[in-house]
Amino acid sequence: MSTKRPDRIVQIGKPIVFLLCLAPLAWLSWRLLSGEASANPIEVIIHDTGNWALRLLLVTLAMTPLRRLTGRAWLIRFRRMLGLFSFFYASLHLTAYLWLDQRFRWNEIIDDIMQRPYITVGVAAILLMTPLAVTSTRGWIKRLGPRWKTLHRLVYPIAILGILHYWWLVKADWREPALYAGILSLLLLARLPTPSWQRPRDSTARA
């Protein structure tokens, strides 16, 4: 494949991915405006934004295994946008909790963080996401050099904390967080080094 074709795919694909990432927010807005979520709109906002933050984080983590599996290196070029949208929905999730649910009652918020483990790990996940979002630009990549990759490996504990947050939140139906945990496990396994006996031999060894 020529270098122009992947560039063209990415050029066309980025606006599409951008709109797809905004679609959950548009759908949520429509549900709120139409009265479909009138029974408990605050819970719907918190639940939906948190779910999409976790889903997009898993999609972000899937880019590297998909690149290896398909050989399509251009897939990586969507990773930053997906990661930033995950942080965007996580920020909405946290804002909805602080503002709509708690009304910025900081004493109660601090008590929640200290006493409820699912809130503790959820806040920790968003705090860890913040430096990753801030340093996602090319400028920061150049400034940090090799340390950039070390910093961005925080995405793995962030994903684990996000799933723990969801798992501990639900009281009965844990099927969805279990599904996310299974997907994350597969994505982490896909990052393990390939055993030497499975690696393709180079031309010298074959000769």
N, C-alpha and C. Protein backbone atom coordinates (compact mmCIF):
# COMPACT_ATOMS: atom_id res chain seq x y z
N MET A 1 0.85 -1.20 0.00
CA MET A 1 0.00 0.00 0.00
C MET A 1 0.88 1.24 0.00
N SER A 2 0.61 2.19 -0.87
CA SER A 2 1.40 3.41 -0.93
C SER A 2 1.16 4.25 0.32
N THR A 3 2.12 5.16 0.60
CA THR A 3 1.98 6.00 1.79
C THR A 3 0.82 6.97 1.67
N LYS A 4 0.43 7.29 0.44
CA LYS A 4 -0.65 8.25 0.24
C LYS A 4 -1.99 7.67 0.65
N ARG A 5 -2.18 6.39 0.41
CA ARG A 5 -3.49 5.79 0.72
C ARG A 5 -3.80 5.78 2.21
N PRO A 6 -2.86 5.34 3.10
CA PRO A 6 -3.16 5.45 4.54
C PRO A 6 -3.42 6.87 4.98
N ASP A 7 -2.64 7.83 4.43
CA ASP A 7 -2.87 9.23 4.79
C ASP A 7 -4.28 9.67 4.40
N ARG A 8 -4.73 9.21 3.25
CA ARG A 8 -6.06 9.55 2.79
C ARG A 8 -7.13 8.91 3.68
N ILE A 9 -6.90 7.67 4.08
CA ILE A 9 -7.84 6.98 4.97
C ILE A 9 -7.97 7.72 6.29
N VAL A 10 -6.82 8.12 6.85
CA VAL A 10 -6.83 8.84 8.13
C VAL A 10 -7.51 10.19 7.97
N GLN A 11 -7.22 10.88 6.88
CA GLN A 11 -7.81 12.20 6.63
C GLN A 11 -9.33 12.11 6.57
N ILE A 12 -9.84 11.08 5.91
CA ILE A 12 -11.30 10.90 5.83
C ILE A 12 -11.86 10.36 7.13
N GLY A 13 -11.09 9.46 7.76
CA GLY A 13 -11.59 8.76 8.94
C GLY A 13 -11.67 9.61 10.19
N LYS A 14 -10.77 10.57 10.35
CA LYS A 14 -10.75 11.35 11.59
C LYS A 14 -12.04 12.13 11.83
N PRO A 15 -12.59 12.85 10.83
CA PRO A 15 -13.88 13.52 11.07
C PRO A 15 -15.00 12.53 11.39
N ILE A 16 -14.95 11.35 10.77
CA ILE A 16 -15.98 10.34 11.04
C ILE A 16 -15.87 9.84 12.48
N VAL A 17 -14.64 9.54 12.91
CA VAL A 17 -14.41 9.08 14.28
C VAL A 17 -14.80 10.17 15.28
N PHE A 18 -14.49 11.42 14.95
CA PHE A 18 -14.85 12.55 15.81
C PHE A 18 -16.36 12.60 16.02
N LEU A 19 -17.12 12.49 14.93
CA LEU A 19 -18.58 12.55 15.03
C LEU A 19 -19.13 11.33 15.76
N LEU A 20 -18.53 10.16 15.52
CA LEU A 20 -18.98 8.96 16.22
C LEU A 20 -18.75 9.08 17.73
N CYS A 21 -17.64 9.71 18.11
CA CYS A 21 -17.36 9.89 19.53
C CYS A 21 -18.31 10.90 20.18
N LEU A 22 -18.82 11.84 19.39
CA LEU A 22 -19.79 12.81 19.91
C LEU A 22 -21.21 12.26 19.92
N ALA A 23 -21.45 11.19 19.17
CA ALA A 23 -22.80 10.63 19.05
C ALA A 23 -23.41 10.26 20.40
N PRO A 24 -22.67 9.62 21.33
CA PRO A 24 -23.29 9.31 22.63
C PRO A 24 -23.76 10.55 23.38
N LEU A 25 -23.01 11.65 23.27
CA LEU A 25 -23.42 12.88 23.93
C LEU A 25 -24.68 13.46 23.28
N ALA A 26 -24.75 13.37 21.95
CA ALA A 26 -25.94 13.84 21.24
C ALA A 26 -27.16 13.01 21.63
N TRP A 27 -26.97 11.69 21.71
CA TRP A 27 -28.07 10.78 22.09
C TRP A 27 -28.53 11.06 23.52
N LEU A 28 -27.57 11.27 24.42
CA LEU A 28 -27.91 11.59 25.80
C LEU A 28 -28.68 12.90 25.87
N SER A 29 -28.24 13.90 25.13
CA SER A 29 -28.93 15.20 25.11
C SER A 29 -30.36 15.05 24.60
N TRP A 30 -30.54 14.26 23.56
CA TRP A 30 -31.89 14.04 23.02
C TRP A 30 -32.78 13.37 24.05
N ARG A 31 -32.25 12.38 24.75
CA ARG A 31 -33.04 11.68 25.78
C ARG A 31 -33.47 12.64 26.89
N LEU A 32 -32.57 13.54 27.27
CA LEU A 32 -32.90 14.49 28.33
C LEU A 32 -33.93 15.51 27.87
N LEU A 33 -33.75 16.02 26.65
CA LEU A 33 -34.66 17.04 26.13
C LEU A 33 -36.04 16.47 25.80
N SER A 34 -36.09 15.22 25.39
CA SER A 34 -37.36 14.60 25.02
C SER A 34 -38.14 14.11 26.23
N GLY A 35 -37.50 14.12 27.40
CA GLY A 35 -38.17 13.64 28.60
C GLY A 35 -38.06 12.15 28.82
N GLU A 36 -37.31 11.46 27.95
CA GLU A 36 -37.18 10.01 28.09
C GLU A 36 -36.48 9.64 29.39
N ALA A 37 -35.58 10.52 29.85
CA ALA A 37 -34.83 10.25 31.08
C ALA A 37 -35.36 11.07 32.25
N SER A 38 -36.64 11.44 32.20
CA SER A 38 -37.20 12.35 33.20
C SER A 38 -37.29 11.73 34.59
N ALA A 39 -37.33 10.40 34.70
CA ALA A 39 -37.47 9.76 36.00
C ALA A 39 -36.29 10.09 36.91
N ASN A 40 -35.08 9.99 36.38
CA ASN A 40 -33.88 10.32 37.16
C ASN A 40 -32.79 10.80 36.22
N PRO A 41 -32.91 12.03 35.71
CA PRO A 41 -31.96 12.51 34.70
C PRO A 41 -30.53 12.59 35.19
N ILE A 42 -30.32 12.93 36.47
CA ILE A 42 -28.96 13.04 36.98
C ILE A 42 -28.27 11.68 36.95
N GLU A 43 -28.99 10.65 37.37
CA GLU A 43 -28.42 9.30 37.34
C GLU A 43 -28.10 8.87 35.91
N VAL A 44 -28.97 9.22 34.97
CA VAL A 44 -28.73 8.87 33.57
C VAL A 44 -27.47 9.56 33.05
N ILE A 45 -27.31 10.83 33.37
CA ILE A 45 -26.14 11.58 32.92
C ILE A 45 -24.86 10.97 33.48
N ILE A 46 -24.86 10.71 34.79
CA ILE A 46 -23.66 10.15 35.43
C ILE A 46 -23.35 8.77 34.88
N HIS A 47 -24.38 7.94 34.73
CA HIS A 47 -24.18 6.57 34.26
C HIS A 47 -23.68 6.55 32.81
N ASP A 48 -24.33 7.30 31.93
CA ASP A 48 -23.97 7.26 30.51
C ASP A 48 -22.57 7.83 30.25
N THR A 49 -22.25 8.96 30.87
CA THR A 49 -20.93 9.55 30.64
C THR A 49 -19.82 8.65 31.18
N GLY A 50 -20.05 8.01 32.32
CA GLY A 50 -19.06 7.08 32.86
C GLY A 50 -18.88 5.87 31.98
N ASN A 51 -19.99 5.33 31.48
CA ASN A 51 -19.91 4.16 30.60
C ASN A 51 -19.12 4.46 29.34
N TRP A 52 -19.39 5.61 28.74
CA TRP A 52 -18.70 5.94 27.49
C TRP A 52 -17.24 6.30 27.72
N ALA A 53 -16.91 6.83 28.87
CA ALA A 53 -15.50 7.06 29.20
C ALA A 53 -14.75 5.72 29.22
N LEU A 54 -15.35 4.71 29.84
CA LEU A 54 -14.71 3.40 29.94
C LEU A 54 -14.67 2.70 28.59
N ARG A 55 -15.76 2.77 27.84
CA ARG A 55 -15.79 2.12 26.53
C ARG A 55 -14.74 2.70 25.58
N LEU A 56 -14.64 4.02 25.55
CA LEU A 56 -13.67 4.65 24.66
C LEU A 56 -12.24 4.40 25.12
N LEU A 57 -12.05 4.25 26.42
CA LEU A 57 -10.72 3.90 26.91
C LEU A 57 -10.32 2.51 26.43
N LEU A 58 -11.25 1.58 26.44
CA LEU A 58 -10.96 0.23 25.95
C LEU A 58 -10.71 0.23 24.44
N VAL A 59 -11.47 1.04 23.71
CA VAL A 59 -11.23 1.15 22.27
C VAL A 59 -9.84 1.74 22.01
N THR A 60 -9.45 2.71 22.83
CA THR A 60 -8.12 3.30 22.70
C THR A 60 -7.04 2.23 22.90
N LEU A 61 -7.22 1.40 23.93
CA LEU A 61 -6.25 0.34 24.20
C LEU A 61 -6.24 -0.73 23.11
N ALA A 62 -7.34 -0.84 22.38
CA ALA A 62 -7.43 -1.86 21.34
C ALA A 62 -6.67 -1.48 20.07
N MET A 63 -6.28 -0.23 19.92
CA MET A 63 -5.65 0.21 18.69
C MET A 63 -4.33 -0.51 18.42
N THR A 64 -3.49 -0.68 19.44
CA THR A 64 -2.20 -1.35 19.24
C THR A 64 -2.37 -2.81 18.86
N PRO A 65 -3.19 -3.61 19.59
CA PRO A 65 -3.40 -5.00 19.14
C PRO A 65 -4.01 -5.10 17.74
N LEU A 66 -4.93 -4.18 17.41
CA LEU A 66 -5.52 -4.20 16.06
C LEU A 66 -4.47 -3.90 15.00
N ARG A 67 -3.57 -3.00 15.32
CA ARG A 67 -2.49 -2.69 14.35
C ARG A 67 -1.63 -3.92 14.13
N ARG A 68 -1.28 -4.62 15.20
CA ARG A 68 -0.45 -5.82 15.07
C ARG A 68 -1.18 -6.93 14.33
N LEU A 69 -2.48 -7.04 14.63
CA LEU A 69 -3.26 -8.13 14.03
C LEU A 69 -3.50 -7.91 12.55
N THR A 70 -3.76 -6.68 12.17
CA THR A 70 -4.11 -6.37 10.77
C THR A 70 -2.95 -5.87 9.95
N GLY A 71 -1.89 -5.41 10.62
CA GLY A 71 -0.78 -4.81 9.89
C GLY A 71 -1.08 -3.41 9.39
N ARG A 72 -2.18 -2.80 9.86
CA ARG A 72 -2.56 -1.45 9.44
C ARG A 72 -2.00 -0.44 10.44
N ALA A 73 -0.81 0.07 10.16
CA ALA A 73 -0.15 0.98 11.09
C ALA A 73 -0.93 2.28 11.28
N TRP A 74 -1.74 2.66 10.29
CA TRP A 74 -2.47 3.93 10.38
C TRP A 74 -3.54 3.92 11.46
N LEU A 75 -3.90 2.75 11.97
CA LEU A 75 -4.91 2.70 13.04
C LEU A 75 -4.44 3.45 14.29
N ILE A 76 -3.11 3.45 14.52
CA ILE A 76 -2.57 4.13 15.69
C ILE A 76 -2.86 5.62 15.66
N ARG A 77 -3.05 6.16 14.49
CA ARG A 77 -3.24 7.60 14.38
C ARG A 77 -4.61 8.07 14.87
N PHE A 78 -5.48 7.11 15.20
CA PHE A 78 -6.77 7.45 15.81
C PHE A 78 -6.72 7.36 17.34
N ARG A 79 -5.61 6.84 17.86
CA ARG A 79 -5.55 6.53 19.29
C ARG A 79 -5.64 7.78 20.16
N ARG A 80 -4.94 8.84 19.78
CA ARG A 80 -4.96 10.06 20.60
C ARG A 80 -6.36 10.66 20.69
N MET A 81 -7.06 10.73 19.56
CA MET A 81 -8.42 11.28 19.56
C MET A 81 -9.34 10.46 20.46
N LEU A 82 -9.25 9.14 20.35
CA LEU A 82 -10.09 8.27 21.17
C LEU A 82 -9.77 8.44 22.65
N GLY A 83 -8.48 8.53 22.98
CA GLY A 83 -8.10 8.72 24.37
C GLY A 83 -8.59 10.04 24.93
N LEU A 84 -8.51 11.09 24.13
CA LEU A 84 -8.98 12.41 24.59
C LEU A 84 -10.50 12.42 24.76
N PHE A 85 -11.22 11.72 23.91
CA PHE A 85 -12.67 11.64 24.09
C PHE A 85 -13.02 10.82 25.33
N SER A 86 -12.22 9.80 25.64
CA SER A 86 -12.44 9.07 26.88
C SER A 86 -12.28 10.00 28.08
N PHE A 87 -11.24 10.84 28.05
CA PHE A 87 -11.04 11.81 29.13
C PHE A 87 -12.17 12.84 29.16
N PHE A 88 -12.66 13.23 27.99
CA PHE A 88 -13.78 14.18 27.91
C PHE A 88 -15.01 13.63 28.62
N TYR A 89 -15.36 12.38 28.33
CA TYR A 89 -16.54 11.79 28.97
C TYR A 89 -16.29 11.54 30.46
N ALA A 90 -15.06 11.19 30.82
CA ALA A 90 -14.74 11.02 32.24
C ALA A 90 -14.87 12.35 32.98
N SER A 91 -14.47 13.45 32.33
CA SER A 91 -14.60 14.78 32.94
C SER A 91 -16.07 15.16 33.11
N LEU A 92 -16.89 14.85 32.11
CA LEU A 92 -18.33 15.09 32.24
C LEU A 92 -18.92 14.25 33.37
N HIS A 93 -18.46 13.02 33.48
CA HIS A 93 -18.91 12.10 34.53
C HIS A 93 -18.61 12.68 35.91
N LEU A 94 -17.38 13.15 36.09
CA LEU A 94 -16.98 13.72 37.38
C LEU A 94 -17.72 15.03 37.64
N THR A 95 -17.86 15.87 36.61
CA THR A 95 -18.55 17.15 36.77
C THR A 95 -20.02 16.93 37.16
N ALA A 96 -20.66 15.95 36.53
CA ALA A 96 -22.06 15.66 36.86
C ALA A 96 -22.19 15.20 38.32
N TYR A 97 -21.23 14.41 38.78
CA TYR A 97 -21.25 13.97 40.18
C TYR A 97 -21.06 15.16 41.13
N LEU A 98 -20.04 15.99 40.85
CA LEU A 98 -19.74 17.10 41.75
C LEU A 98 -20.83 18.17 41.74
N TRP A 99 -21.36 18.45 40.57
CA TRP A 99 -22.30 19.57 40.41
C TRP A 99 -23.75 19.13 40.58
N LEU A 100 -24.20 18.21 39.72
CA LEU A 100 -25.61 17.85 39.72
C LEU A 100 -26.00 16.98 40.90
N ASP A 101 -25.12 16.05 41.26
CA ASP A 101 -25.45 15.12 42.35
C ASP A 101 -25.13 15.70 43.71
N GLN A 102 -23.94 16.27 43.87
CA GLN A 102 -23.50 16.74 45.19
C GLN A 102 -23.63 18.25 45.39
N ARG A 103 -23.91 18.99 44.32
CA ARG A 103 -24.06 20.46 44.40
C ARG A 103 -22.83 21.12 45.03
N PHE A 104 -21.66 20.56 44.75
CA PHE A 104 -20.39 21.09 45.25
C PHE A 104 -20.37 21.19 46.78
N ARG A 105 -21.05 20.27 47.44
CA ARG A 105 -20.97 20.21 48.91
C ARG A 105 -19.68 19.44 49.25
N TRP A 106 -18.60 20.18 49.42
CA TRP A 106 -17.28 19.57 49.48
C TRP A 106 -17.09 18.66 50.68
N ASN A 107 -17.71 18.96 51.79
CA ASN A 107 -17.59 18.08 52.97
C ASN A 107 -18.17 16.71 52.66
N GLU A 108 -19.35 16.70 52.00
CA GLU A 108 -19.97 15.42 51.65
C GLU A 108 -19.18 14.70 50.56
N ILE A 109 -18.62 15.47 49.64
CA ILE A 109 -17.82 14.87 48.57
C ILE A 109 -16.59 14.18 49.15
N ILE A 110 -15.92 14.86 50.07
CA ILE A 110 -14.72 14.28 50.68
C ILE A 110 -15.09 13.04 51.48
N ASP A 111 -16.21 13.09 52.19
CA ASP A 111 -16.67 11.90 52.92
C ASP A 111 -16.94 10.74 51.97
N ASP A 112 -17.57 11.05 50.83
CA ASP A 112 -17.84 10.01 49.83
C ASP A 112 -16.54 9.38 49.34
N ILE A 113 -15.55 10.22 49.04
CA ILE A 113 -14.28 9.72 48.52
C ILE A 113 -13.58 8.85 49.56
N MET A 114 -13.67 9.24 50.82
CA MET A 114 -12.98 8.51 51.88
C MET A 114 -13.69 7.23 52.27
N GLN A 115 -15.02 7.22 52.16
CA GLN A 115 -15.79 6.12 52.72
C GLN A 115 -16.32 5.13 51.69
N ARG A 116 -16.43 5.55 50.43
CA ARG A 116 -16.96 4.66 49.40
C ARG A 116 -15.86 4.27 48.43
N PRO A 117 -15.43 3.01 48.46
CA PRO A 117 -14.29 2.59 47.63
C PRO A 117 -14.51 2.83 46.14
N TYR A 118 -15.74 2.66 45.65
CA TYR A 118 -15.96 2.83 44.22
C TYR A 118 -15.76 4.28 43.78
N ILE A 119 -16.06 5.23 44.68
CA ILE A 119 -15.80 6.63 44.36
C ILE A 119 -14.31 6.94 44.49
N THR A 120 -13.66 6.33 45.47
CA THR A 120 -12.22 6.53 45.65
C THR A 120 -11.45 6.14 44.40
N VAL A 121 -11.72 4.94 43.87
CA VAL A 121 -10.97 4.48 42.70
C VAL A 121 -11.39 5.24 41.44
N GLY A 122 -12.65 5.67 41.39
CA GLY A 122 -13.11 6.45 40.24
C GLY A 122 -12.41 7.80 40.15
N VAL A 123 -12.32 8.49 41.29
CA VAL A 123 -11.63 9.78 41.32
C VAL A 123 -10.15 9.59 41.02
N ALA A 124 -9.56 8.52 41.56
CA ALA A 124 -8.15 8.25 41.29
C ALA A 124 -7.90 8.03 39.80
N ALA A 125 -8.82 7.32 39.14
CA ALA A 125 -8.67 7.07 37.70
C ALA A 125 -8.69 8.37 36.91
N ILE A 126 -9.61 9.26 37.23
CA ILE A 126 -9.71 10.53 36.49
C ILE A 126 -8.49 11.42 36.77
N LEU A 127 -8.02 11.42 38.02
CA LEU A 127 -6.82 12.20 38.33
C LEU A 127 -5.61 11.70 37.56
N LEU A 128 -5.51 10.38 37.41
CA LEU A 128 -4.40 9.81 36.64
C LEU A 128 -4.54 10.08 35.15
N MET A 129 -5.77 10.18 34.69
CA MET A 129 -5.99 10.47 33.26
C MET A 129 -5.57 11.89 32.88
N THR A 130 -5.65 12.81 33.85
CA THR A 130 -5.42 14.22 33.54
C THR A 130 -4.03 14.50 32.96
N PRO A 131 -2.93 14.01 33.57
CA PRO A 131 -1.63 14.27 32.95
C PRO A 131 -1.46 13.61 31.58
N LEU A 132 -2.15 12.49 31.36
CA LEU A 132 -2.08 11.84 30.05
C LEU A 132 -2.75 12.71 28.99
N ALA A 133 -3.89 13.31 29.35
CA ALA A 133 -4.57 14.20 28.40
C ALA A 133 -3.75 15.45 28.13
N VAL A 134 -3.16 16.03 29.18
CA VAL A 134 -2.38 17.25 29.04
C VAL A 134 -1.15 17.01 28.16
N THR A 135 -0.51 15.86 28.30
CA THR A 135 0.75 15.59 27.59
C THR A 135 0.53 14.80 26.30
N SER A 136 -0.66 14.84 25.75
CA SER A 136 -0.94 14.06 24.54
C SER A 136 -0.50 14.77 23.25
N THR A 137 -0.05 16.02 23.36
CA THR A 137 0.33 16.78 22.17
C THR A 137 1.75 16.42 21.72
N ARG A 138 2.04 16.74 20.48
CA ARG A 138 3.38 16.46 19.93
C ARG A 138 4.45 17.23 20.68
N GLY A 139 4.11 18.45 21.11
CA GLY A 139 5.06 19.25 21.87
C GLY A 139 5.51 18.56 23.15
N TRP A 140 4.54 18.00 23.87
CA TRP A 140 4.86 17.30 25.11
C TRP A 140 5.62 16.01 24.84
N ILE A 141 5.30 15.34 23.75
CA ILE A 141 6.03 14.12 23.39
C ILE A 141 7.51 14.43 23.19
N LYS A 142 7.81 15.56 22.53
CA LYS A 142 9.20 15.95 22.31
C LYS A 142 9.86 16.38 23.62
N ARG A 143 9.12 17.12 24.47
CA ARG A 143 9.70 17.59 25.72
C ARG A 143 10.05 16.43 26.66
N LEU A 144 9.15 15.47 26.75
CA LEU A 144 9.35 14.38 27.71
C LEU A 144 10.27 13.28 27.18
N GLY A 145 10.35 13.14 25.87
CA GLY A 145 11.22 12.12 25.29
C GLY A 145 10.80 10.72 25.75
N PRO A 146 11.77 9.88 26.17
CA PRO A 146 11.44 8.51 26.60
C PRO A 146 10.49 8.46 27.80
N ARG A 147 10.49 9.53 28.61
CA ARG A 147 9.61 9.55 29.79
C ARG A 147 8.14 9.61 29.40
N TRP A 148 7.87 10.05 28.15
CA TRP A 148 6.47 10.14 27.72
C TRP A 148 5.82 8.76 27.71
N LYS A 149 6.53 7.77 27.16
CA LYS A 149 5.98 6.40 27.12
C LYS A 149 5.79 5.85 28.52
N THR A 150 6.74 6.14 29.41
CA THR A 150 6.61 5.67 30.79
C THR A 150 5.38 6.27 31.45
N LEU A 151 5.18 7.58 31.25
CA LEU A 151 4.00 8.24 31.82
C LEU A 151 2.71 7.64 31.27
N HIS A 152 2.66 7.42 29.97
CA HIS A 152 1.42 6.98 29.34
C HIS A 152 1.12 5.49 29.56
N ARG A 153 2.03 4.79 30.21
CA ARG A 153 1.70 3.43 30.64
C ARG A 153 0.72 3.44 31.81
N LEU A 154 0.48 4.62 32.37
CA LEU A 154 -0.55 4.74 33.41
C LEU A 154 -1.93 4.37 32.88
N VAL A 155 -2.09 4.32 31.57
CA VAL A 155 -3.39 3.99 31.00
C VAL A 155 -3.85 2.60 31.45
N TYR A 156 -2.91 1.69 31.73
CA TYR A 156 -3.30 0.34 32.14
C TYR A 156 -3.90 0.33 33.55
N PRO A 157 -3.23 0.90 34.57
CA PRO A 157 -3.91 0.97 35.88
C PRO A 157 -5.16 1.83 35.86
N ILE A 158 -5.19 2.84 34.99
CA ILE A 158 -6.40 3.66 34.87
C ILE A 158 -7.58 2.80 34.43
N ALA A 159 -7.37 1.97 33.42
CA ALA A 159 -8.43 1.09 32.93
C ALA A 159 -8.89 0.12 34.02
N ILE A 160 -7.93 -0.42 34.78
CA ILE A 160 -8.29 -1.34 35.86
C ILE A 160 -9.11 -0.62 36.93
N LEU A 161 -8.69 0.59 37.29
CA LEU A 161 -9.43 1.37 38.28
C LEU A 161 -10.84 1.71 37.77
N GLY A 162 -10.94 2.03 36.48
CA GLY A 162 -12.25 2.34 35.91
C GLY A 162 -13.21 1.16 36.00
N ILE A 163 -12.70 -0.03 35.72
CA ILE A 163 -13.55 -1.22 35.79
C ILE A 163 -13.91 -1.55 37.24
N LEU A 164 -12.95 -1.39 38.16
CA LEU A 164 -13.26 -1.59 39.58
C LEU A 164 -14.33 -0.60 40.04
N HIS A 165 -14.21 0.63 39.60
CA HIS A 165 -15.20 1.66 39.94
C HIS A 165 -16.60 1.21 39.52
N TYR A 166 -16.72 0.70 38.32
CA TYR A 166 -18.02 0.27 37.80
C TYR A 166 -18.49 -1.00 38.52
N TRP A 167 -17.58 -1.94 38.72
CA TRP A 167 -17.94 -3.22 39.34
C TRP A 167 -18.45 -3.01 40.76
N TRP A 168 -17.75 -2.18 41.52
CA TRP A 168 -18.17 -1.93 42.90
C TRP A 168 -19.41 -1.06 42.99
N LEU A 169 -19.69 -0.31 41.92
CA LEU A 169 -20.87 0.54 41.90
C LEU A 169 -22.15 -0.28 41.77
N VAL A 170 -22.14 -1.25 40.85
CA VAL A 170 -23.36 -2.02 40.61
C VAL A 170 -23.61 -2.95 41.79
N LYS A 171 -24.87 -3.16 42.08
CA LYS A 171 -25.20 -3.95 43.26
C LYS A 171 -25.66 -5.36 42.90
N ALA A 172 -26.20 -5.55 41.73
CA ALA A 172 -26.72 -6.87 41.38
C ALA A 172 -26.25 -7.33 40.00
N ASP A 173 -26.53 -6.53 39.00
CA ASP A 173 -26.22 -6.94 37.64
C ASP A 173 -24.79 -6.53 37.28
N TRP A 174 -23.84 -7.46 37.46
CA TRP A 174 -22.44 -7.17 37.21
C TRP A 174 -21.99 -7.66 35.84
N ARG A 175 -22.95 -8.03 34.95
CA ARG A 175 -22.56 -8.59 33.65
C ARG A 175 -21.78 -7.60 32.80
N GLU A 176 -22.22 -6.34 32.77
CA GLU A 176 -21.52 -5.37 31.92
C GLU A 176 -20.10 -5.08 32.41
N PRO A 177 -19.89 -4.80 33.71
CA PRO A 177 -18.50 -4.62 34.15
C PRO A 177 -17.66 -5.88 33.97
N ALA A 178 -18.28 -7.05 34.09
CA ALA A 178 -17.54 -8.30 33.85
C ALA A 178 -17.12 -8.41 32.39
N LEU A 179 -17.99 -7.96 31.49
CA LEU A 179 -17.65 -7.95 30.06
C LEU A 179 -16.46 -7.03 29.81
N TYR A 180 -16.49 -5.84 30.41
CA TYR A 180 -15.39 -4.90 30.24
C TYR A 180 -14.09 -5.47 30.82
N ALA A 181 -14.20 -6.15 31.97
CA ALA A 181 -13.02 -6.76 32.58
C ALA A 181 -12.44 -7.84 31.67
N GLY A 182 -13.31 -8.61 31.03
CA GLY A 182 -12.84 -9.64 30.10
C GLY A 182 -12.14 -9.02 28.89
N ILE A 183 -12.71 -7.95 28.35
CA ILE A 183 -12.09 -7.27 27.20
C ILE A 183 -10.73 -6.71 27.59
N LEU A 184 -10.65 -6.07 28.76
CA LEU A 184 -9.37 -5.52 29.21
C LEU A 184 -8.34 -6.63 29.41
N SER A 185 -8.76 -7.75 29.95
CA SER A 185 -7.83 -8.87 30.14
C SER A 185 -7.24 -9.32 28.81
N LEU A 186 -8.08 -9.43 27.79
CA LEU A 186 -7.60 -9.82 26.47
C LEU A 186 -6.64 -8.78 25.90
N LEU A 187 -6.96 -7.51 26.09
CA LEU A 187 -6.10 -6.44 25.57
C LEU A 187 -4.75 -6.44 26.27
N LEU A 188 -4.74 -6.73 27.57
CA LEU A 188 -3.48 -6.79 28.30
C LEU A 188 -2.67 -8.02 27.89
N LEU A 189 -3.35 -9.15 27.68
CA LEU A 189 -2.65 -10.36 27.23
C LEU A 189 -2.03 -10.15 25.85
N ALA A 190 -2.72 -9.38 25.01
CA ALA A 190 -2.21 -9.13 23.66
C ALA A 190 -0.93 -8.32 23.68
N ARG A 191 -0.64 -7.67 24.81
CA ARG A 191 0.57 -6.87 24.90
C ARG A 191 1.75 -7.63 25.47
N LEU A 192 1.54 -8.87 25.88
CA LEU A 192 2.65 -9.67 26.39
C LEU A 192 3.65 -9.96 25.27
N PRO A 193 4.94 -10.05 25.60
CA PRO A 193 5.94 -10.34 24.56
C PRO A 193 5.66 -11.69 23.90
N THR A 194 5.88 -11.76 22.60
CA THR A 194 5.69 -12.99 21.86
C THR A 194 6.79 -13.98 22.22
N PRO A 195 6.44 -15.23 22.59
CA PRO A 195 7.49 -16.22 22.88
C PRO A 195 8.44 -16.39 21.71
N SER A 196 9.70 -16.66 22.03
CA SER A 196 10.72 -16.74 20.98
C SER A 196 10.41 -17.80 19.95
N TRP A 197 9.76 -18.91 20.37
CA TRP A 197 9.47 -19.97 19.41
C TRP A 197 8.34 -19.61 18.46
N GLN A 198 7.59 -18.52 18.78
CA GLN A 198 6.52 -18.08 17.89
C GLN A 198 6.95 -16.95 16.98
N ARG A 199 8.13 -16.38 17.22
CA ARG A 199 8.56 -15.26 16.40
C ARG A 199 9.03 -15.74 15.05
N PRO A 200 8.70 -14.99 13.99
CA PRO A 200 9.15 -15.39 12.66
C PRO A 200 10.66 -15.31 12.57
N ARG A 201 11.28 -16.30 11.92
CA ARG A 201 12.71 -16.29 11.74
C ARG A 201 13.10 -15.31 10.64
N ASP A 202 14.29 -14.72 10.83
CA ASP A 202 14.74 -13.80 9.79
C ASP A 202 15.31 -14.58 8.62
N SER A 203 15.62 -13.89 7.54
CA SER A 203 16.05 -14.55 6.32
C SER A 203 17.35 -15.30 6.50
N THR A 204 18.26 -14.80 7.40
CA THR A 204 19.53 -15.48 7.62
C THR A 204 19.32 -16.83 8.27
N ALA A 205 18.41 -16.85 9.29
CA ALA A 205 18.16 -18.11 9.97
C ALA A 205 17.53 -19.11 9.03
N ARG A 206 16.58 -18.64 8.17
CA ARG A 206 15.95 -19.56 7.23
C ARG A 206 16.96 -20.12 6.22
N ALA A 207 17.91 -19.25 5.82
CA ALA A 207 18.90 -19.72 4.87
C ALA A 207 19.80 -20.79 5.49
